[in-house]
Amino acid sequence: MERALAAFMQKRRPPAHIRSELDLGYRIARQSVEVFEIRPQWNDSSQKLERSVAKATYVRSRSIWKVYWLRADLI
């Protein structure tokens, strides 16, 4: 799964020349995969902020993936 996820994310990351201003990352925790954006903090560019974009969790009992994402209106 790790290799497939890395390939998926590599295709969707921004071009290398802007990754210091905006990038995408992911983390795997147990049965979940979280995708997040990485940006410098607006008032201190030495600090990086991570904002969750989506999360997928595998539900073993039902053999399905549940996908969650942040709506445009932040609700």
PDB file of N, CA and C in Angstrom:
ATOM      1  N   MET A   1       0.823  -1.198   0.000  1.00  0.00           N
ATOM      2  CA  MET A   1       0.000   0.000   0.000  1.00  0.00           C
ATOM      3  C   MET A   1       0.868   1.263   0.000  1.00  0.00           C
ATOM      4  N   GLU A   2       1.944   1.222   0.746  1.00  0.00           N
ATOM      5  CA  GLU A   2       2.817   2.403   0.841  1.00  0.00           C
ATOM      6  C   GLU A   2       3.349   2.814  -0.537  1.00  0.00           C
ATOM      7  N   ARG A   3       3.775   1.859  -1.327  1.00  0.00           N
ATOM      8  CA  ARG A   3       4.327   2.160  -2.648  1.00  0.00           C
ATOM      9  C   ARG A   3       3.249   2.752  -3.566  1.00  0.00           C
ATOM     10  N   ALA A   4       2.051   2.182  -3.537  1.00  0.00           N
ATOM     11  CA  ALA A   4       0.950   2.690  -4.375  1.00  0.00           C
ATOM     12  C   ALA A   4       0.568   4.104  -3.957  1.00  0.00           C
ATOM     13  N   LEU A   5       0.525   4.365  -2.667  1.00  0.00           N
ATOM     14  CA  LEU A   5       0.180   5.694  -2.169  1.00  0.00           C
ATOM     15  C   LEU A   5       1.251   6.718  -2.525  1.00  0.00           C
ATOM     16  N   ALA A   6       2.508   6.328  -2.429  1.00  0.00           N
ATOM     17  CA  ALA A   6       3.596   7.235  -2.788  1.00  0.00           C
ATOM     18  C   ALA A   6       3.521   7.604  -4.272  1.00  0.00           C
ATOM     19  N   ALA A   7       3.222   6.634  -5.127  1.00  0.00           N
ATOM     20  CA  ALA A   7       3.097   6.903  -6.565  1.00  0.00           C
ATOM     21  C   ALA A   7       1.895   7.805  -6.843  1.00  0.00           C
ATOM     22  N   PHE A   8       0.787   7.563  -6.167  1.00  0.00           N
ATOM     23  CA  PHE A   8      -0.419   8.385  -6.310  1.00  0.00           C
ATOM     24  C   PHE A   8      -0.121   9.835  -5.934  1.00  0.00           C
ATOM     25  N   MET A   9       0.538  10.032  -4.801  1.00  0.00           N
ATOM     26  CA  MET A   9       0.827  11.385  -4.321  1.00  0.00           C
ATOM     27  C   MET A   9       1.856  12.082  -5.210  1.00  0.00           C
ATOM     28  N   GLN A  10       2.821  11.349  -5.713  1.00  0.00           N
ATOM     29  CA  GLN A  10       3.849  11.960  -6.555  1.00  0.00           C
ATOM     30  C   GLN A  10       3.238  12.594  -7.799  1.00  0.00           C
ATOM     31  N   LYS A  11       2.215  11.976  -8.356  1.00  0.00           N
ATOM     32  CA  LYS A  11       1.540  12.514  -9.542  1.00  0.00           C
ATOM     33  C   LYS A  11       0.752  13.778  -9.232  1.00  0.00           C
ATOM     34  N   ARG A  12       0.341  13.949  -7.983  1.00  0.00           N
ATOM     35  CA  ARG A  12      -0.527  15.060  -7.621  1.00  0.00           C
ATOM     36  C   ARG A  12       0.176  16.209  -6.910  1.00  0.00           C
ATOM     37  N   ARG A  13       1.433  16.024  -6.548  1.00  0.00           N
ATOM     38  CA  ARG A  13       2.176  17.103  -5.887  1.00  0.00           C
ATOM     39  C   ARG A  13       2.397  18.248  -6.860  1.00  0.00           C
ATOM     40  N   PRO A  14       2.492  19.471  -6.352  1.00  0.00           N
ATOM     41  CA  PRO A  14       2.781  20.621  -7.214  1.00  0.00           C
ATOM     42  C   PRO A  14       4.179  20.500  -7.825  1.00  0.00           C
ATOM     43  N   PRO A  15       4.464  21.299  -8.852  1.00  0.00           N
ATOM     44  CA  PRO A  15       5.798  21.288  -9.458  1.00  0.00           C
ATOM     45  C   PRO A  15       6.878  21.602  -8.409  1.00  0.00           C
ATOM     46  N   ALA A  16       8.050  21.049  -8.604  1.00  0.00           N
ATOM     47  CA  ALA A  16       9.143  21.171  -7.628  1.00  0.00           C
ATOM     48  C   ALA A  16       9.482  22.616  -7.275  1.00  0.00           C
ATOM     49  N   HIS A  17       9.376  23.544  -8.225  1.00  0.00           N
ATOM     50  CA  HIS A  17       9.789  24.925  -7.951  1.00  0.00           C
ATOM     51  C   HIS A  17       8.839  25.676  -7.015  1.00  0.00           C
ATOM     52  N   ILE A  18       7.652  25.169  -6.744  1.00  0.00           N
ATOM     53  CA  ILE A  18       6.755  25.855  -5.794  1.00  0.00           C
ATOM     54  C   ILE A  18       6.502  25.058  -4.517  1.00  0.00           C
ATOM     55  N   ARG A  19       7.151  23.930  -4.364  1.00  0.00           N
ATOM     56  CA  ARG A  19       6.904  23.084  -3.185  1.00  0.00           C
ATOM     57  C   ARG A  19       7.311  23.738  -1.873  1.00  0.00           C
ATOM     58  N   SER A  20       8.148  24.743  -1.912  1.00  0.00           N
ATOM     59  CA  SER A  20       8.479  25.440  -0.658  1.00  0.00           C
ATOM     60  C   SER A  20       7.314  26.319  -0.208  1.00  0.00           C
ATOM     61  N   GLU A  21       6.429  26.660  -1.117  1.00  0.00           N
ATOM     62  CA  GLU A  21       5.245  27.471  -0.792  1.00  0.00           C
ATOM     63  C   GLU A  21       3.978  26.636  -0.625  1.00  0.00           C
ATOM     64  N   LEU A  22       3.895  25.516  -1.317  1.00  0.00           N
ATOM     65  CA  LEU A  22       2.733  24.630  -1.232  1.00  0.00           C
ATOM     66  C   LEU A  22       3.157  23.233  -1.629  1.00  0.00           C
ATOM     67  N   ASP A  23       2.852  22.276  -0.777  1.00  0.00           N
ATOM     68  CA  ASP A  23       3.166  20.885  -1.083  1.00  0.00           C
ATOM     69  C   ASP A  23       2.070  20.010  -0.491  1.00  0.00           C
ATOM     70  N   LEU A  24       2.050  18.767  -0.893  1.00  0.00           N
ATOM     71  CA  LEU A  24       1.123  17.787  -0.350  1.00  0.00           C
ATOM     72  C   LEU A  24       1.909  16.700   0.348  1.00  0.00           C
ATOM     73  N   GLY A  25       1.335  16.172   1.413  1.00  0.00           N
ATOM     74  CA  GLY A  25       1.955  15.073   2.142  1.00  0.00           C
ATOM     75  C   GLY A  25       0.891  14.089   2.563  1.00  0.00           C
ATOM     76  N   TYR A  26       1.335  12.986   3.124  1.00  0.00           N
ATOM     77  CA  TYR A  26       0.390  11.994   3.629  1.00  0.00           C
ATOM     78  C   TYR A  26       1.010  11.278   4.808  1.00  0.00           C
ATOM     79  N   ARG A  27       0.152  10.682   5.606  1.00  0.00           N
ATOM     80  CA  ARG A  27       0.629   9.835   6.703  1.00  0.00           C
ATOM     81  C   ARG A  27      -0.337   8.665   6.840  1.00  0.00           C
ATOM     82  N   ILE A  28       0.218   7.547   7.219  1.00  0.00           N
ATOM     83  CA  ILE A  28      -0.568   6.336   7.431  1.00  0.00           C
ATOM     84  C   ILE A  28      -0.559   6.049   8.922  1.00  0.00           C
ATOM     85  N   ALA A  29      -1.745   5.874   9.485  1.00  0.00           N
ATOM     86  CA  ALA A  29      -1.880   5.546  10.903  1.00  0.00           C
ATOM     87  C   ALA A  29      -2.913   4.422  11.025  1.00  0.00           C
ATOM     88  N   ARG A  30      -2.450   3.280  11.414  1.00  0.00           N
ATOM     89  CA  ARG A  30      -3.277   2.076  11.530  1.00  0.00           C
ATOM     90  C   ARG A  30      -4.056   1.817  10.242  1.00  0.00           C
ATOM     91  N   GLN A  31      -5.360   1.998  10.255  1.00  0.00           N
ATOM     92  CA  GLN A  31      -6.196   1.693   9.091  1.00  0.00           C
ATOM     93  C   GLN A  31      -6.606   2.942   8.326  1.00  0.00           C
ATOM     94  N   SER A  32      -5.920   4.059   8.568  1.00  0.00           N
ATOM     95  CA  SER A  32      -6.295   5.323   7.937  1.00  0.00           C
ATOM     96  C   SER A  32      -5.125   5.934   7.172  1.00  0.00           C
ATOM     97  N   VAL A  33      -5.481   6.663   6.130  1.00  0.00           N
ATOM     98  CA  VAL A  33      -4.523   7.441   5.354  1.00  0.00           C
ATOM     99  C   VAL A  33      -5.027   8.885   5.357  1.00  0.00           C
ATOM    100  N   GLU A  34      -4.180   9.811   5.766  1.00  0.00           N
ATOM    101  CA  GLU A  34      -4.540  11.225   5.778  1.00  0.00           C
ATOM    102  C   GLU A  34      -3.704  11.956   4.732  1.00  0.00           C
ATOM    103  N   VAL A  35      -4.349  12.775   3.924  1.00  0.00           N
ATOM    104  CA  VAL A  35      -3.673  13.622   2.945  1.00  0.00           C
ATOM    105  C   VAL A  35      -3.773  15.052   3.462  1.00  0.00           C
ATOM    106  N   PHE A  36      -2.662  15.785   3.424  1.00  0.00           N
ATOM    107  CA  PHE A  36      -2.659  17.152   3.941  1.00  0.00           C
ATOM    108  C   PHE A  36      -1.803  18.044   3.068  1.00  0.00           C
ATOM    109  N   GLU A  37      -2.102  19.346   3.118  1.00  0.00           N
ATOM    110  CA  GLU A  37      -1.268  20.310   2.415  1.00  0.00           C
ATOM    111  C   GLU A  37      -0.284  20.910   3.400  1.00  0.00           C
ATOM    112  N   ILE A  38       0.869  21.283   2.888  1.00  0.00           N
ATOM    113  CA  ILE A  38       1.944  21.854   3.701  1.00  0.00           C
ATOM    114  C   ILE A  38       2.250  23.235   3.142  1.00  0.00           C
ATOM    115  N   ARG A  39       2.155  24.247   4.008  1.00  0.00           N
ATOM    116  CA  ARG A  39       2.414  25.636   3.618  1.00  0.00           C
ATOM    117  C   ARG A  39       3.225  26.311   4.716  1.00  0.00           C
ATOM    118  N   PRO A  40       3.961  27.360   4.362  1.00  0.00           N
ATOM    119  CA  PRO A  40       4.621  28.140   5.417  1.00  0.00           C
ATOM    120  C   PRO A  40       3.569  28.944   6.194  1.00  0.00           C
ATOM    121  N   GLN A  41       3.825  29.157   7.456  1.00  0.00           N
ATOM    122  CA  GLN A  41       2.931  29.984   8.265  1.00  0.00           C
ATOM    123  C   GLN A  41       2.973  31.405   7.724  1.00  0.00           C
ATOM    124  N   TRP A  42       1.842  32.077   7.667  1.00  0.00           N
ATOM    125  CA  TRP A  42       1.751  33.383   7.011  1.00  0.00           C
ATOM    126  C   TRP A  42       2.647  34.449   7.645  1.00  0.00           C
ATOM    127  N   ASN A  43       2.840  34.392   8.952  1.00  0.00           N
ATOM    128  CA  ASN A  43       3.637  35.434   9.610  1.00  0.00           C
ATOM    129  C   ASN A  43       5.040  34.971  10.017  1.00  0.00           C
ATOM    130  N   ASP A  44       5.376  33.715   9.728  1.00  0.00           N
ATOM    131  CA  ASP A  44       6.701  33.185  10.040  1.00  0.00           C
ATOM    132  C   ASP A  44       6.989  32.046   9.074  1.00  0.00           C
ATOM    133  N   SER A  45       7.623  32.371   7.960  1.00  0.00           N
ATOM    134  CA  SER A  45       7.804  31.375   6.904  1.00  0.00           C
ATOM    135  C   SER A  45       8.749  30.237   7.295  1.00  0.00           C
ATOM    136  N   SER A  46       9.419  30.355   8.431  1.00  0.00           N
ATOM    137  CA  SER A  46      10.268  29.247   8.875  1.00  0.00           C
ATOM    138  C   SER A  46       9.435  28.127   9.501  1.00  0.00           C
ATOM    139  N   GLN A  47       8.196  28.440   9.866  1.00  0.00           N
ATOM    140  CA  GLN A  47       7.270  27.449  10.430  1.00  0.00           C
ATOM    141  C   GLN A  47       6.399  26.865   9.325  1.00  0.00           C
ATOM    142  N   LYS A  48       6.217  25.555   9.319  1.00  0.00           N
ATOM    143  CA  LYS A  48       5.357  24.897   8.334  1.00  0.00           C
ATOM    144  C   LYS A  48       4.042  24.492   8.987  1.00  0.00           C
ATOM    145  N   LEU A  49       2.945  24.714   8.274  1.00  0.00           N
ATOM    146  CA  LEU A  49       1.618  24.326   8.737  1.00  0.00           C
ATOM    147  C   LEU A  49       1.101  23.172   7.897  1.00  0.00           C
ATOM    148  N   GLU A  50       0.422  22.252   8.532  1.00  0.00           N
ATOM    149  CA  GLU A  50      -0.225  21.151   7.823  1.00  0.00           C
ATOM    150  C   GLU A  50      -1.721  21.299   8.004  1.00  0.00           C
ATOM    151  N   ARG A  51      -2.451  21.256   6.886  1.00  0.00           N
ATOM    152  CA  ARG A  51      -3.911  21.344   6.935  1.00  0.00           C
ATOM    153  C   ARG A  51      -4.479  20.114   6.255  1.00  0.00           C
ATOM    154  N   SER A  52      -5.287  19.371   6.984  1.00  0.00           N
ATOM    155  CA  SER A  52      -5.857  18.139   6.462  1.00  0.00           C
ATOM    156  C   SER A  52      -6.761  18.427   5.269  1.00  0.00           C
ATOM    157  N   VAL A  53      -6.642  17.601   4.239  1.00  0.00           N
ATOM    158  CA  VAL A  53      -7.450  17.732   3.027  1.00  0.00           C
ATOM    159  C   VAL A  53      -8.455  16.604   2.956  1.00  0.00           C
ATOM    160  N   ALA A  54      -8.000  15.376   3.213  1.00  0.00           N
ATOM    161  CA  ALA A  54      -8.882  14.212   3.138  1.00  0.00           C
ATOM    162  C   ALA A  54      -8.328  13.096   4.015  1.00  0.00           C
ATOM    163  N   LYS A  55      -9.230  12.184   4.364  1.00  0.00           N
ATOM    164  CA  LYS A  55      -8.841  11.033   5.157  1.00  0.00           C
ATOM    165  C   LYS A  55      -9.632   9.830   4.669  1.00  0.00           C
ATOM    166  N   ALA A  56      -8.963   8.722   4.488  1.00  0.00           N
ATOM    167  CA  ALA A  56      -9.625   7.470   4.100  1.00  0.00           C
ATOM    168  C   ALA A  56      -9.330   6.444   5.188  1.00  0.00           C
ATOM    169  N   THR A  57     -10.373   5.780   5.647  1.00  0.00           N
ATOM    170  CA  THR A  57     -10.244   4.773   6.689  1.00  0.00           C
ATOM    171  C   THR A  57     -10.841   3.466   6.198  1.00  0.00           C
ATOM    172  N   TYR A  58     -10.091   2.391   6.340  1.00  0.00           N
ATOM    173  CA  TYR A  58     -10.572   1.080   5.931  1.00  0.00           C
ATOM    174  C   TYR A  58     -11.381   0.473   7.064  1.00  0.00           C
ATOM    175  N   VAL A  59     -12.599   0.055   6.751  1.00  0.00           N
ATOM    176  CA  VAL A  59     -13.481  -0.573   7.736  1.00  0.00           C
ATOM    177  C   VAL A  59     -13.438  -2.076   7.464  1.00  0.00           C
ATOM    178  N   ARG A  60     -12.679  -2.789   8.273  1.00  0.00           N
ATOM    179  CA  ARG A  60     -12.483  -4.231   8.045  1.00  0.00           C
ATOM    180  C   ARG A  60     -13.778  -5.021   8.109  1.00  0.00           C
ATOM    181  N   SER A  61     -14.643  -4.690   9.053  1.00  0.00           N
ATOM    182  CA  SER A  61     -15.872  -5.459   9.228  1.00  0.00           C
ATOM    183  C   SER A  61     -16.774  -5.419   8.000  1.00  0.00           C
ATOM    184  N   ARG A  62     -16.648  -4.353   7.203  1.00  0.00           N
ATOM    185  CA  ARG A  62     -17.484  -4.214   6.012  1.00  0.00           C
ATOM    186  C   ARG A  62     -16.674  -4.296   4.720  1.00  0.00           C
ATOM    187  N   SER A  63     -15.358  -4.416   4.834  1.00  0.00           N
ATOM    188  CA  SER A  63     -14.445  -4.470   3.684  1.00  0.00           C
ATOM    189  C   SER A  63     -14.654  -3.294   2.732  1.00  0.00           C
ATOM    190  N   ILE A  64     -14.738  -2.086   3.315  1.00  0.00           N
ATOM    191  CA  ILE A  64     -14.909  -0.872   2.511  1.00  0.00           C
ATOM    192  C   ILE A  64     -13.971   0.219   3.023  1.00  0.00           C
ATOM    193  N   TRP A  65     -13.738   1.205   2.171  1.00  0.00           N
ATOM    194  CA  TRP A  65     -13.014   2.409   2.552  1.00  0.00           C
ATOM    195  C   TRP A  65     -14.028   3.524   2.749  1.00  0.00           C
ATOM    196  N   LYS A  66     -13.924   4.259   3.839  1.00  0.00           N
ATOM    197  CA  LYS A  66     -14.735   5.459   4.061  1.00  0.00           C
ATOM    198  C   LYS A  66     -13.820   6.654   3.819  1.00  0.00           C
ATOM    199  N   VAL A  67     -14.308   7.594   3.018  1.00  0.00           N
ATOM    200  CA  VAL A  67     -13.513   8.761   2.664  1.00  0.00           C
ATOM    201  C   VAL A  67     -14.164  10.008   3.254  1.00  0.00           C
ATOM    202  N   TYR A  68     -13.354  10.830   3.892  1.00  0.00           N
ATOM    203  CA  TYR A  68     -13.810  12.087   4.492  1.00  0.00           C
ATOM    204  C   TYR A  68     -12.974  13.213   3.896  1.00  0.00           C
ATOM    205  N   TRP A  69     -13.595  14.377   3.683  1.00  0.00           N
ATOM    206  CA  TRP A  69     -12.860  15.529   3.168  1.00  0.00           C
ATOM    207  C   TRP A  69     -13.474  16.800   3.721  1.00  0.00           C
ATOM    208  N   LEU A  70     -12.718  17.860   3.663  1.00  0.00           N
ATOM    209  CA  LEU A  70     -13.146  19.166   4.144  1.00  0.00           C
ATOM    210  C   LEU A  70     -13.882  19.880   3.005  1.00  0.00           C
ATOM    211  N   ARG A  71     -15.109  20.267   3.245  1.00  0.00           N
ATOM    212  CA  ARG A  71     -15.883  20.947   2.218  1.00  0.00           C
ATOM    213  C   ARG A  71     -15.366  22.370   1.996  1.00  0.00           C
ATOM    214  N   ALA A  72     -15.725  22.946   0.880  1.00  0.00           N
ATOM    215  CA  ALA A  72     -15.247  24.296   0.537  1.00  0.00           C
ATOM    216  C   ALA A  72     -15.681  25.337   1.555  1.00  0.00           C
ATOM    217  N   ASP A  73     -16.842  25.148   2.196  1.00  0.00           N
ATOM    218  CA  ASP A  73     -17.311  26.119   3.186  1.00  0.00           C
ATOM    219  C   ASP A  73     -16.797  25.807   4.599  1.00  0.00           C
ATOM    220  N   LEU A  74     -15.843  24.863   4.686  1.00  0.00           N
ATOM    221  CA  LEU A  74     -15.160  24.492   5.932  1.00  0.00           C
ATOM    222  C   LEU A  74     -16.072  23.846   6.960  1.00  0.00           C
ATOM    223  N   ILE A  75     -17.195  23.319   6.555  1.00  0.00           N
ATOM    224  CA  ILE A  75     -18.107  22.639   7.470  1.00  0.00           C
ATOM    225  C   ILE A  75     -17.921  21.150   7.351  1.00  0.00           C
TER     226      ILE A  75
END
